[in-house]
Amino acid sequence: MTRRPINSSSIRSVGYDPDAKILEVEFRGGGVYQYFDVPKNVYEDLINASSAGRYYAVYIKNEFRFKSMK
């Protein structure tokens, strides 16, 4: 999955597969996680949030099934 850089102190890049509804998040600390069954609007809201780290913590972190990629 291709990720795009994001302006965030905690998140390095994000990618989204709209067909599979998978969100991939790469953290500046080195971890990469995939989140499943994520609606496209959540991805769009994340990349447009004034604080991507805060948006992630509130709306993604404990809301979707995930797996560590790295």
PDB file of N, CA and C in Angstrom:
ATOM      1  N   MET A   1       0.853  -1.175   0.000  1.00  0.00           N
ATOM      2  CA  MET A   1       0.000   0.000   0.000  1.00  0.00           C
ATOM      3  C   MET A   1       0.899   1.239   0.000  1.00  0.00           C
ATOM      4  N   THR A   2       0.556   2.189  -0.814  1.00  0.00           N
ATOM      5  CA  THR A   2       1.302   3.441  -0.863  1.00  0.00           C
ATOM      6  C   THR A   2       0.813   4.361   0.247  1.00  0.00           C
ATOM      7  N   ARG A   3       1.756   4.858   1.033  1.00  0.00           N
ATOM      8  CA  ARG A   3       1.415   5.816   2.086  1.00  0.00           C
ATOM      9  C   ARG A   3       1.864   7.206   1.670  1.00  0.00           C
ATOM     10  N   ARG A   4       1.179   8.214   2.190  1.00  0.00           N
ATOM     11  CA  ARG A   4       1.556   9.596   1.915  1.00  0.00           C
ATOM     12  C   ARG A   4       2.001  10.249   3.214  1.00  0.00           C
ATOM     13  N   PRO A   5       3.013  11.114   3.128  1.00  0.00           N
ATOM     14  CA  PRO A   5       3.461  11.818   4.336  1.00  0.00           C
ATOM     15  C   PRO A   5       2.329  12.669   4.903  1.00  0.00           C
ATOM     16  N   ILE A   6       2.354  12.842   6.201  1.00  0.00           N
ATOM     17  CA  ILE A   6       1.330  13.641   6.868  1.00  0.00           C
ATOM     18  C   ILE A   6       2.027  14.590   7.843  1.00  0.00           C
ATOM     19  N   ASN A   7       1.466  15.766   8.003  1.00  0.00           N
ATOM     20  CA  ASN A   7       2.043  16.768   8.895  1.00  0.00           C
ATOM     21  C   ASN A   7       1.607  16.469  10.328  1.00  0.00           C
ATOM     22  N   SER A   8       2.444  15.719  11.036  1.00  0.00           N
ATOM     23  CA  SER A   8       2.115  15.302  12.397  1.00  0.00           C
ATOM     24  C   SER A   8       3.407  15.027  13.156  1.00  0.00           C
ATOM     25  N   SER A   9       3.404  15.320  14.430  1.00  0.00           N
ATOM     26  CA  SER A   9       4.586  15.031  15.246  1.00  0.00           C
ATOM     27  C   SER A   9       4.665  13.552  15.623  1.00  0.00           C
ATOM     28  N   SER A  10       3.563  12.824  15.535  1.00  0.00           N
ATOM     29  CA  SER A  10       3.565  11.409  15.925  1.00  0.00           C
ATOM     30  C   SER A  10       3.382  10.438  14.758  1.00  0.00           C
ATOM     31  N   ILE A  11       2.736  10.879  13.684  1.00  0.00           N
ATOM     32  CA  ILE A  11       2.466  10.012  12.533  1.00  0.00           C
ATOM     33  C   ILE A  11       3.321  10.460  11.353  1.00  0.00           C
ATOM     34  N   ARG A  12       4.071   9.515  10.765  1.00  0.00           N
ATOM     35  CA  ARG A  12       4.934   9.835   9.625  1.00  0.00           C
ATOM     36  C   ARG A  12       4.157   9.812   8.305  1.00  0.00           C
ATOM     37  N   SER A  13       3.321   8.763   8.123  1.00  0.00           N
ATOM     38  CA  SER A  13       2.596   8.639   6.859  1.00  0.00           C
ATOM     39  C   SER A  13       1.360   7.769   7.047  1.00  0.00           C
ATOM     40  N   VAL A  14       0.420   7.916   6.107  1.00  0.00           N
ATOM     41  CA  VAL A  14      -0.800   7.112   6.126  1.00  0.00           C
ATOM     42  C   VAL A  14      -1.146   6.683   4.705  1.00  0.00           C
ATOM     43  N   GLY A  15      -1.807   5.538   4.597  1.00  0.00           N
ATOM     44  CA  GLY A  15      -2.295   5.057   3.314  1.00  0.00           C
ATOM     45  C   GLY A  15      -3.672   4.459   3.507  1.00  0.00           C
ATOM     46  N   TYR A  16      -4.401   4.353   2.406  1.00  0.00           N
ATOM     47  CA  TYR A  16      -5.760   3.809   2.503  1.00  0.00           C
ATOM     48  C   TYR A  16      -6.090   3.022   1.253  1.00  0.00           C
ATOM     49  N   ASP A  17      -6.659   1.837   1.444  1.00  0.00           N
ATOM     50  CA  ASP A  17      -7.168   1.012   0.353  1.00  0.00           C
ATOM     51  C   ASP A  17      -8.687   1.051   0.442  1.00  0.00           C
ATOM     52  N   PRO A  18      -9.346   1.822  -0.455  1.00  0.00           N
ATOM     53  CA  PRO A  18     -10.798   1.975  -0.353  1.00  0.00           C
ATOM     54  C   PRO A  18     -11.577   0.690  -0.641  1.00  0.00           C
ATOM     55  N   ASP A  19     -11.028  -0.195  -1.462  1.00  0.00           N
ATOM     56  CA  ASP A  19     -11.728  -1.446  -1.765  1.00  0.00           C
ATOM     57  C   ASP A  19     -11.742  -2.381  -0.555  1.00  0.00           C
ATOM     58  N   ALA A  20     -10.606  -2.482   0.125  1.00  0.00           N
ATOM     59  CA  ALA A  20     -10.498  -3.360   1.296  1.00  0.00           C
ATOM     60  C   ALA A  20     -10.847  -2.643   2.597  1.00  0.00           C
ATOM     61  N   LYS A  21     -10.971  -1.316   2.541  1.00  0.00           N
ATOM     62  CA  LYS A  21     -11.238  -0.473   3.724  1.00  0.00           C
ATOM     63  C   LYS A  21     -10.162  -0.663   4.793  1.00  0.00           C
ATOM     64  N   ILE A  22      -8.900  -0.673   4.329  1.00  0.00           N
ATOM     65  CA  ILE A  22      -7.764  -0.807   5.234  1.00  0.00           C
ATOM     66  C   ILE A  22      -7.018   0.519   5.301  1.00  0.00           C
ATOM     67  N   LEU A  23      -6.799   0.981   6.519  1.00  0.00           N
ATOM     68  CA  LEU A  23      -6.014   2.178   6.788  1.00  0.00           C
ATOM     69  C   LEU A  23      -4.665   1.729   7.326  1.00  0.00           C
ATOM     70  N   GLU A  24      -3.586   2.246   6.754  1.00  0.00           N
ATOM     71  CA  GLU A  24      -2.247   1.913   7.224  1.00  0.00           C
ATOM     72  C   GLU A  24      -1.612   3.170   7.794  1.00  0.00           C
ATOM     73  N   VAL A  25      -1.080   3.066   8.999  1.00  0.00           N
ATOM     74  CA  VAL A  25      -0.490   4.212   9.695  1.00  0.00           C
ATOM     75  C   VAL A  25       0.951   3.873  10.069  1.00  0.00           C
ATOM     76  N   GLU A  26       1.881   4.737   9.655  1.00  0.00           N
ATOM     77  CA  GLU A  26       3.289   4.604  10.032  1.00  0.00           C
ATOM     78  C   GLU A  26       3.598   5.695  11.048  1.00  0.00           C
ATOM     79  N   PHE A  27       4.118   5.293  12.197  1.00  0.00           N
ATOM     80  CA  PHE A  27       4.429   6.241  13.259  1.00  0.00           C
ATOM     81  C   PHE A  27       5.886   6.665  13.197  1.00  0.00           C
ATOM     82  N   ARG A  28       6.154   7.847  13.666  1.00  0.00           N
ATOM     83  CA  ARG A  28       7.524   8.364  13.681  1.00  0.00           C
ATOM     84  C   ARG A  28       8.430   7.509  14.557  1.00  0.00           C
ATOM     85  N   GLY A  29       7.865   6.830  15.535  1.00  0.00           N
ATOM     86  CA  GLY A  29       8.636   5.935  16.390  1.00  0.00           C
ATOM     87  C   GLY A  29       9.017   4.632  15.712  1.00  0.00           C
ATOM     88  N   GLY A  30       8.492   4.384  14.509  1.00  0.00           N
ATOM     89  CA  GLY A  30       8.888   3.222  13.741  1.00  0.00           C
ATOM     90  C   GLY A  30       7.824   2.167  13.510  1.00  0.00           C
ATOM     91  N   GLY A  31       6.741   2.160  14.258  1.00  0.00           N
ATOM     92  CA  GLY A  31       5.710   1.148  14.074  1.00  0.00           C
ATOM     93  C   GLY A  31       4.825   1.422  12.871  1.00  0.00           C
ATOM     94  N   VAL A  32       4.345   0.344  12.247  1.00  0.00           N
ATOM     95  CA  VAL A  32       3.384   0.434  11.147  1.00  0.00           C
ATOM     96  C   VAL A  32       2.215  -0.488  11.486  1.00  0.00           C
ATOM     97  N   TYR A  33       0.999   0.051  11.418  1.00  0.00           N
ATOM     98  CA  TYR A  33      -0.198  -0.706  11.765  1.00  0.00           C
ATOM     99  C   TYR A  33      -1.231  -0.603  10.659  1.00  0.00           C
ATOM    100  N   GLN A  34      -1.958  -1.693  10.458  1.00  0.00           N
ATOM    101  CA  GLN A  34      -3.100  -1.689   9.548  1.00  0.00           C
ATOM    102  C   GLN A  34      -4.373  -1.805  10.378  1.00  0.00           C
ATOM    103  N   TYR A  35      -5.353  -0.968  10.033  1.00  0.00           N
ATOM    104  CA  TYR A  35      -6.657  -0.948  10.700  1.00  0.00           C
ATOM    105  C   TYR A  35      -7.707  -1.389   9.691  1.00  0.00           C
ATOM    106  N   PHE A  36      -8.626  -2.247  10.116  1.00  0.00           N
ATOM    107  CA  PHE A  36      -9.566  -2.890   9.203  1.00  0.00           C
ATOM    108  C   PHE A  36     -10.980  -2.333   9.317  1.00  0.00           C
ATOM    109  N   ASP A  37     -11.694  -2.377   8.183  1.00  0.00           N
ATOM    110  CA  ASP A  37     -13.088  -1.909   8.091  1.00  0.00           C
ATOM    111  C   ASP A  37     -13.214  -0.425   8.433  1.00  0.00           C
ATOM    112  N   VAL A  38     -12.243   0.351   7.974  1.00  0.00           N
ATOM    113  CA  VAL A  38     -12.231   1.797   8.228  1.00  0.00           C
ATOM    114  C   VAL A  38     -12.950   2.507   7.081  1.00  0.00           C
ATOM    115  N   PRO A  39     -13.994   3.259   7.369  1.00  0.00           N
ATOM    116  CA  PRO A  39     -14.684   4.005   6.311  1.00  0.00           C
ATOM    117  C   PRO A  39     -13.768   5.072   5.703  1.00  0.00           C
ATOM    118  N   LYS A  40     -13.983   5.368   4.432  1.00  0.00           N
ATOM    119  CA  LYS A  40     -13.145   6.344   3.733  1.00  0.00           C
ATOM    120  C   LYS A  40     -13.173   7.708   4.407  1.00  0.00           C
ATOM    121  N   ASN A  41     -14.324   8.095   4.965  1.00  0.00           N
ATOM    122  CA  ASN A  41     -14.403   9.415   5.596  1.00  0.00           C
ATOM    123  C   ASN A  41     -13.480   9.521   6.814  1.00  0.00           C
ATOM    124  N   VAL A  42     -13.208   8.412   7.490  1.00  0.00           N
ATOM    125  CA  VAL A  42     -12.287   8.435   8.629  1.00  0.00           C
ATOM    126  C   VAL A  42     -10.872   8.723   8.130  1.00  0.00           C
ATOM    127  N   TYR A  43     -10.475   8.084   7.037  1.00  0.00           N
ATOM    128  CA  TYR A  43      -9.169   8.369   6.426  1.00  0.00           C
ATOM    129  C   TYR A  43      -9.085   9.835   6.009  1.00  0.00           C
ATOM    130  N   GLU A  44     -10.108  10.328   5.331  1.00  0.00           N
ATOM    131  CA  GLU A  44     -10.110  11.720   4.871  1.00  0.00           C
ATOM    132  C   GLU A  44     -10.058  12.691   6.048  1.00  0.00           C
ATOM    133  N   ASP A  45     -10.808  12.394   7.094  1.00  0.00           N
ATOM    134  CA  ASP A  45     -10.782  13.249   8.281  1.00  0.00           C
ATOM    135  C   ASP A  45      -9.403  13.231   8.940  1.00  0.00           C
ATOM    136  N   LEU A  46      -8.754  12.066   8.952  1.00  0.00           N
ATOM    137  CA  LEU A  46      -7.418  11.957   9.538  1.00  0.00           C
ATOM    138  C   LEU A  46      -6.420  12.832   8.795  1.00  0.00           C
ATOM    139  N   ILE A  47      -6.393  12.735   7.471  1.00  0.00           N
ATOM    140  CA  ILE A  47      -5.389  13.501   6.723  1.00  0.00           C
ATOM    141  C   ILE A  47      -5.685  14.995   6.708  1.00  0.00           C
ATOM    142  N   ASN A  48      -6.920  15.376   7.012  1.00  0.00           N
ATOM    143  CA  ASN A  48      -7.289  16.794   7.037  1.00  0.00           C
ATOM    144  C   ASN A  48      -7.394  17.374   8.447  1.00  0.00           C
ATOM    145  N   ALA A  49      -7.151  16.571   9.457  1.00  0.00           N
ATOM    146  CA  ALA A  49      -7.295  17.027  10.845  1.00  0.00           C
ATOM    147  C   ALA A  49      -6.218  18.049  11.202  1.00  0.00           C
ATOM    148  N   SER A  50      -6.576  19.010  12.034  1.00  0.00           N
ATOM    149  CA  SER A  50      -5.582  19.986  12.493  1.00  0.00           C
ATOM    150  C   SER A  50      -4.543  19.307  13.386  1.00  0.00           C
ATOM    151  N   SER A  51      -4.934  18.231  14.063  1.00  0.00           N
ATOM    152  CA  SER A  51      -4.006  17.410  14.838  1.00  0.00           C
ATOM    153  C   SER A  51      -4.277  15.950  14.499  1.00  0.00           C
ATOM    154  N   ALA A  52      -3.474  15.399  13.585  1.00  0.00           N
ATOM    155  CA  ALA A  52      -3.673  14.012  13.160  1.00  0.00           C
ATOM    156  C   ALA A  52      -3.469  13.045  14.321  1.00  0.00           C
ATOM    157  N   GLY A  53      -2.499  13.327  15.182  1.00  0.00           N
ATOM    158  CA  GLY A  53      -2.249  12.460  16.330  1.00  0.00           C
ATOM    159  C   GLY A  53      -3.436  12.399  17.273  1.00  0.00           C
ATOM    160  N   ARG A  54      -4.048  13.537  17.512  1.00  0.00           N
ATOM    161  CA  ARG A  54      -5.223  13.582  18.393  1.00  0.00           C
ATOM    162  C   ARG A  54      -6.408  12.872  17.728  1.00  0.00           C
ATOM    163  N   TYR A  55      -6.610  13.124  16.427  1.00  0.00           N
ATOM    164  CA  TYR A  55      -7.708  12.462  15.709  1.00  0.00           C
ATOM    165  C   TYR A  55      -7.522  10.942  15.776  1.00  0.00           C
ATOM    166  N   TYR A  56      -6.303  10.483  15.528  1.00  0.00           N
ATOM    167  CA  TYR A  56      -6.001   9.056  15.591  1.00  0.00           C
ATOM    168  C   TYR A  56      -6.341   8.486  16.974  1.00  0.00           C
ATOM    169  N   ALA A  57      -5.899   9.172  18.019  1.00  0.00           N
ATOM    170  CA  ALA A  57      -6.109   8.682  19.383  1.00  0.00           C
ATOM    171  C   ALA A  57      -7.590   8.579  19.740  1.00  0.00           C
ATOM    172  N   VAL A  58      -8.394   9.515  19.262  1.00  0.00           N
ATOM    173  CA  VAL A  58      -9.815   9.555  19.625  1.00  0.00           C
ATOM    174  C   VAL A  58     -10.677   8.664  18.729  1.00  0.00           C
ATOM    175  N   TYR A  59     -10.422   8.692  17.415  1.00  0.00           N
ATOM    176  CA  TYR A  59     -11.351   8.060  16.468  1.00  0.00           C
ATOM    177  C   TYR A  59     -10.863   6.757  15.830  1.00  0.00           C
ATOM    178  N   ILE A  60      -9.578   6.422  16.001  1.00  0.00           N
ATOM    179  CA  ILE A  60      -9.055   5.240  15.314  1.00  0.00           C
ATOM    180  C   ILE A  60      -8.453   4.220  16.277  1.00  0.00           C
ATOM    181  N   LYS A  61      -7.589   4.652  17.155  1.00  0.00           N
ATOM    182  CA  LYS A  61      -6.757   3.767  17.978  1.00  0.00           C
ATOM    183  C   LYS A  61      -7.517   2.610  18.620  1.00  0.00           C
ATOM    184  N   ASN A  62      -8.572   2.865  19.321  1.00  0.00           N
ATOM    185  CA  ASN A  62      -9.311   1.800  20.017  1.00  0.00           C
ATOM    186  C   ASN A  62     -10.651   1.473  19.366  1.00  0.00           C
ATOM    187  N   GLU A  63     -10.835   1.920  18.142  1.00  0.00           N
ATOM    188  CA  GLU A  63     -12.132   1.758  17.479  1.00  0.00           C
ATOM    189  C   GLU A  63     -12.148   0.684  16.393  1.00  0.00           C
ATOM    190  N   PHE A  64     -10.975   0.296  15.883  1.00  0.00           N
ATOM    191  CA  PHE A  64     -10.920  -0.646  14.762  1.00  0.00           C
ATOM    192  C   PHE A  64      -9.964  -1.788  15.079  1.00  0.00           C
ATOM    193  N   ARG A  65     -10.294  -2.956  14.541  1.00  0.00           N
ATOM    194  CA  ARG A  65      -9.399  -4.112  14.632  1.00  0.00           C
ATOM    195  C   ARG A  65      -8.125  -3.768  13.875  1.00  0.00           C
ATOM    196  N   PHE A  66      -6.968  -4.205  14.382  1.00  0.00           N
ATOM    197  CA  PHE A  66      -5.706  -3.835  13.746  1.00  0.00           C
ATOM    198  C   PHE A  66      -4.684  -4.953  13.864  1.00  0.00           C
ATOM    199  N   LYS A  67      -3.607  -4.816  13.095  1.00  0.00           N
ATOM    200  CA  LYS A  67      -2.448  -5.691  13.260  1.00  0.00           C
ATOM    201  C   LYS A  67      -1.193  -4.874  13.017  1.00  0.00           C
ATOM    202  N   SER A  68      -0.135  -5.265  13.705  1.00  0.00           N
ATOM    203  CA  SER A  68       1.162  -4.618  13.550  1.00  0.00           C
ATOM    204  C   SER A  68       1.847  -5.192  12.318  1.00  0.00           C
ATOM    205  N   MET A  69       2.404  -4.306  11.500  1.00  0.00           N
ATOM    206  CA  MET A  69       3.106  -4.738  10.292  1.00  0.00           C
ATOM    207  C   MET A  69       4.614  -4.750  10.507  1.00  0.00           C
ATOM    208  N   LYS A  70       5.058  -4.143  11.593  1.00  0.00           N
ATOM    209  CA  LYS A  70       6.486  -3.950  11.798  1.00  0.00           C
ATOM    210  C   LYS A  70       6.788  -3.883  13.269  1.00  0.00           C
TER     211      LYS A  70
END
